[in-house]
C-alpha atoms as a PDB file:
ATOM      1  CA  UNK A   1       0.000   0.000   0.000  1.00  0.00           C
ATOM      2  CA  UNK A   2       1.316   3.429  -0.981  1.00  0.00           C
ATOM      3  CA  UNK A   3      -0.299   6.022   1.331  1.00  0.00           C
ATOM      4  CA  UNK A   4      -0.623   9.471  -0.239  1.00  0.00           C
ATOM      5  CA  UNK A   5      -2.189  11.255   2.724  1.00  0.00           C
ATOM      6  CA  UNK A   6      -3.643  10.427   6.114  1.00  0.00           C
ATOM      7  CA  UNK A   7      -5.923  11.843   8.750  1.00  0.00           C
ATOM      8  CA  UNK A   8      -7.384  10.938  12.095  1.00  0.00           C
ATOM      9  CA  UNK A   9     -11.192  11.121  12.151  1.00  0.00           C
ATOM     10  CA  UNK A  10     -12.513  12.384  15.482  1.00  0.00           C
ATOM     11  CA  UNK A  11     -16.256  12.219  16.192  1.00  0.00           C
ATOM     12  CA  UNK A  12     -16.676  14.321  19.355  1.00  0.00           C
ATOM     13  CA  UNK A  13     -19.709  14.436  21.640  1.00  0.00           C
ATOM     14  CA  UNK A  14     -19.832  18.236  21.224  1.00  0.00           C
ATOM     15  CA  UNK A  15     -18.316  19.322  17.876  1.00  0.00           C
ATOM     16  CA  UNK A  16     -18.341  23.066  18.643  1.00  0.00           C
ATOM     17  CA  UNK A  17     -16.551  22.516  21.951  1.00  0.00           C
ATOM     18  CA  UNK A  18     -13.956  20.338  20.224  1.00  0.00           C
ATOM     19  CA  UNK A  19     -13.419  22.876  17.425  1.00  0.00           C
ATOM     20  CA  UNK A  20     -12.855  25.565  20.064  1.00  0.00           C
ATOM     21  CA  UNK A  21     -10.373  23.270  21.829  1.00  0.00           C
ATOM     22  CA  UNK A  22      -8.338  22.182  18.791  1.00  0.00           C
ATOM     23  CA  UNK A  23      -8.554  25.478  16.897  1.00  0.00           C
ATOM     24  CA  UNK A  24      -8.275  28.091  19.633  1.00  0.00           C
ATOM     25  CA  UNK A  25      -6.843  26.419  22.723  1.00  0.00           C
ATOM     26  CA  UNK A  26      -4.326  24.158  20.965  1.00  0.00           C
ATOM     27  CA  UNK A  27      -3.958  26.630  18.091  1.00  0.00           C
ATOM     28  CA  UNK A  28      -3.977  24.059  15.284  1.00  0.00           C
ATOM     29  CA  UNK A  29      -4.107  25.610  11.814  1.00  0.00           C
ATOM     30  CA  UNK A  30      -7.180  24.869   9.686  1.00  0.00           C
ATOM     31  CA  UNK A  31      -6.520  22.934   6.481  1.00  0.00           C
ATOM     32  CA  UNK A  32     -10.124  23.012   5.256  1.00  0.00           C
ATOM     33  CA  UNK A  33     -13.728  23.175   6.358  1.00  0.00           C
ATOM     34  CA  UNK A  34     -16.769  21.542   4.801  1.00  0.00           C
ATOM     35  CA  UNK A  35     -20.510  21.350   5.359  1.00  0.00           C
ATOM     36  CA  UNK A  36     -22.647  23.654   7.462  1.00  0.00           C
ATOM     37  CA  UNK A  37     -24.216  23.694  10.887  1.00  0.00           C
ATOM     38  CA  UNK A  38     -22.978  22.285  14.164  1.00  0.00           C
ATOM     39  CA  UNK A  39     -21.809  18.977  12.669  1.00  0.00           C
ATOM     40  CA  UNK A  40     -19.778  20.661   9.905  1.00  0.00           C
ATOM     41  CA  UNK A  41     -16.285  19.335   9.402  1.00  0.00           C
ATOM     42  CA  UNK A  42     -13.008  21.035  10.181  1.00  0.00           C
ATOM     43  CA  UNK A  43      -9.704  19.494   9.161  1.00  0.00           C
ATOM     44  CA  UNK A  44      -6.589  20.694  10.985  1.00  0.00           C
ATOM     45  CA  UNK A  45      -2.955  20.393   9.976  1.00  0.00           C
ATOM     46  CA  UNK A  46      -1.279  17.837  12.205  1.00  0.00           C
ATOM     47  CA  UNK A  47       2.365  17.770  11.169  1.00  0.00           C
ATOM     48  CA  UNK A  48       2.609  15.183   8.374  1.00  0.00           C
ATOM     49  CA  UNK A  49      -1.088  14.293   8.645  1.00  0.00           C
ATOM     50  CA  UNK A  50      -4.435  15.819   9.495  1.00  0.00           C
ATOM     51  CA  UNK A  51      -7.023  15.765  12.278  1.00  0.00           C
ATOM     52  CA  UNK A  52     -10.627  15.911  11.080  1.00  0.00           C
ATOM     53  CA  UNK A  53     -13.240  16.954  13.654  1.00  0.00           C
ATOM     54  CA  UNK A  54     -16.659  16.269  12.153  1.00  0.00           C
ATOM     55  CA  UNK A  55     -20.065  14.767  12.811  1.00  0.00           C
ATOM     56  CA  UNK A  56     -21.130  13.890  16.348  1.00  0.00           C
ATOM     57  CA  UNK A  57     -20.915  10.828  18.545  1.00  0.00           C
ATOM     58  CA  UNK A  58     -23.185   9.843  21.419  1.00  0.00           C
ATOM     59  CA  UNK A  59     -20.200   8.532  23.368  1.00  0.00           C
ATOM     60  CA  UNK A  60     -16.627   9.787  23.820  1.00  0.00           C
ATOM     61  CA  UNK A  61     -13.915   8.191  21.667  1.00  0.00           C
ATOM     62  CA  UNK A  62     -12.335   4.959  22.841  1.00  0.00           C
ATOM     63  CA  UNK A  63      -9.963   5.400  25.789  1.00  0.00           C
ATOM     64  CA  UNK A  64      -7.332   3.718  23.617  1.00  0.00           C
ATOM     65  CA  UNK A  65      -7.260   6.701  21.240  1.00  0.00           C
ATOM     66  CA  UNK A  66      -4.334   9.018  21.970  1.00  0.00           C
ATOM     67  CA  UNK A  67      -2.710  11.768  19.895  1.00  0.00           C
ATOM     68  CA  UNK A  68       1.070  12.212  19.696  1.00  0.00           C
ATOM     69  CA  UNK A  69       2.091  15.751  18.721  1.00  0.00           C
ATOM     70  CA  UNK A  70       5.740  16.695  18.288  1.00  0.00           C
ATOM     71  CA  UNK A  71       6.655  20.320  18.978  1.00  0.00           C
ATOM     72  CA  UNK A  72       9.934  22.246  18.948  1.00  0.00           C
ATOM     73  CA  UNK A  73       9.708  23.421  22.584  1.00  0.00           C
ATOM     74  CA  UNK A  74       7.463  21.416  24.915  1.00  0.00           C
ATOM     75  CA  UNK A  75       8.029  23.710  27.907  1.00  0.00           C
ATOM     76  CA  UNK A  76       6.886  26.799  25.969  1.00  0.00           C
ATOM     77  CA  UNK A  77       3.924  24.777  24.674  1.00  0.00           C
ATOM     78  CA  UNK A  78       3.091  23.778  28.257  1.00  0.00           C
ATOM     79  CA  UNK A  79       3.024  27.440  29.302  1.00  0.00           C
ATOM     80  CA  UNK A  80       0.867  28.369  26.299  1.00  0.00           C
ATOM     81  CA  UNK A  81      -1.640  25.545  26.850  1.00  0.00           C
ATOM     82  CA  UNK A  82      -1.868  26.297  30.566  1.00  0.00           C
ATOM     83  CA  UNK A  83      -2.676  29.954  29.756  1.00  0.00           C
ATOM     84  CA  UNK A  84      -5.368  28.718  27.322  1.00  0.00           C
ATOM     85  CA  UNK A  85      -6.998  26.634  30.052  1.00  0.00           C
ATOM     86  CA  UNK A  86      -6.114  23.245  28.569  1.00  0.00           C
ATOM     87  CA  UNK A  87      -6.250  20.451  31.142  1.00  0.00           C
ATOM     88  CA  UNK A  88      -2.650  19.302  31.574  1.00  0.00           C
ATOM     89  CA  UNK A  89      -2.487  15.806  33.020  1.00  0.00           C
ATOM     90  CA  UNK A  90       1.273  15.867  33.488  1.00  0.00           C
ATOM     91  CA  UNK A  91       3.784  18.695  32.933  1.00  0.00           C
ATOM     92  CA  UNK A  92       6.864  18.152  30.750  1.00  0.00           C
ATOM     93  CA  UNK A  93       9.549  15.780  31.916  1.00  0.00           C
ATOM     94  CA  UNK A  94      12.370  13.872  30.281  1.00  0.00           C
ATOM     95  CA  UNK A  95      11.499  10.205  29.918  1.00  0.00           C
ATOM     96  CA  UNK A  96      13.987   7.318  30.264  1.00  0.00           C
ATOM     97  CA  UNK A  97      13.835   6.883  26.454  1.00  0.00           C
ATOM     98  CA  UNK A  98      15.132  10.437  26.021  1.00  0.00           C
ATOM     99  CA  UNK A  99      12.018  12.302  24.834  1.00  0.00           C
ATOM    100  CA  UNK A 100      10.573  15.239  26.773  1.00  0.00           C
ATOM    101  CA  UNK A 101       6.844  14.594  27.122  1.00  0.00           C
ATOM    102  CA  UNK A 102       3.810  16.256  28.642  1.00  0.00           C
ATOM    103  CA  UNK A 103       0.256  14.942  28.646  1.00  0.00           C
ATOM    104  CA  UNK A 104      -2.993  16.873  28.213  1.00  0.00           C
ATOM    105  CA  UNK A 105      -6.591  15.949  27.452  1.00  0.00           C
ATOM    106  CA  UNK A 106      -9.266  17.198  25.083  1.00  0.00           C
ATOM    107  CA  UNK A 107     -12.871  17.886  26.185  1.00  0.00           C
ATOM    108  CA  UNK A 108     -13.919  14.256  25.515  1.00  0.00           C
ATOM    109  CA  UNK A 109     -10.974  12.811  27.442  1.00  0.00           C
ATOM    110  CA  UNK A 110      -8.745  12.021  24.442  1.00  0.00           C
ATOM    111  CA  UNK A 111      -5.225  11.962  25.858  1.00  0.00           C
ATOM    112  CA  UNK A 112      -2.676  14.082  23.981  1.00  0.00           C
ATOM    113  CA  UNK A 113       1.045  13.476  24.321  1.00  0.00           C
ATOM    114  CA  UNK A 114       3.021  16.599  23.434  1.00  0.00           C
ATOM    115  CA  UNK A 115       6.617  15.637  22.693  1.00  0.00           C
ATOM    116  CA  UNK A 116       9.939  17.395  22.182  1.00  0.00           C
ATOM    117  CA  UNK A 117      12.728  15.398  20.561  1.00  0.00           C
ATOM    118  CA  UNK A 118      16.025  16.725  22.005  1.00  0.00           C
ATOM    119  CA  UNK A 119      18.836  17.543  19.581  1.00  0.00           C
ATOM    120  CA  UNK A 120      20.935  14.595  20.793  1.00  0.00           C
ATOM    121  CA  UNK A 121      18.114  12.025  20.520  1.00  0.00           C
ATOM    122  CA  UNK A 122      18.538   9.173  17.953  1.00  0.00           C
ATOM    123  CA  UNK A 123      15.234  10.187  16.283  1.00  0.00           C
ATOM    124  CA  UNK A 124      17.048  13.307  15.041  1.00  0.00           C
ATOM    125  CA  UNK A 125      19.717  11.331  13.204  1.00  0.00           C
ATOM    126  CA  UNK A 126      19.582   8.910  10.327  1.00  0.00           C
ATOM    127  CA  UNK A 127      21.669   5.760  10.571  1.00  0.00           C
ATOM    128  CA  UNK A 128      25.037   6.199   8.898  1.00  0.00           C
ATOM    129  CA  UNK A 129      25.065  10.011   9.161  1.00  0.00           C
END
C-alpha cells in the first residue's frame, strides 16, 4: 500500500466545543472546512497528517485513542496551553527513552502526548550520518 495522505477522524460528543479546543486552545491551523451547521467538518494540519473533527458521537472516543504531537519546545507549549486553560495531566519531563513529554486531554478525554525530541536524541539522526 502506498499512502498518499492520512488523517485521524474524530467524532466528538460536542463538535463546537472540540473545534474551540483544537482550533483556539491548541492553536492548530485549519486545512479546510466543509458542510454547514454544528456537525460541519473542520480538518486541521497535524504535522505530516491531518485531524478531522466532524459529525457527532453519542459517546466519547475509545480510551485507547491518543494523539502524539511533536513540537519544537514542549516547555513553551506547556506554558501556552496552561494559559489557554487546557487540562494538563502531566507537565513536561524527560522520559527514560530520552524524549521530553507532557500529557494533556481534550474535552472528551482524548489523551494528547506533546513531545519534544532533544537535539541529541537518535530520532534526530539517520543511521550512517
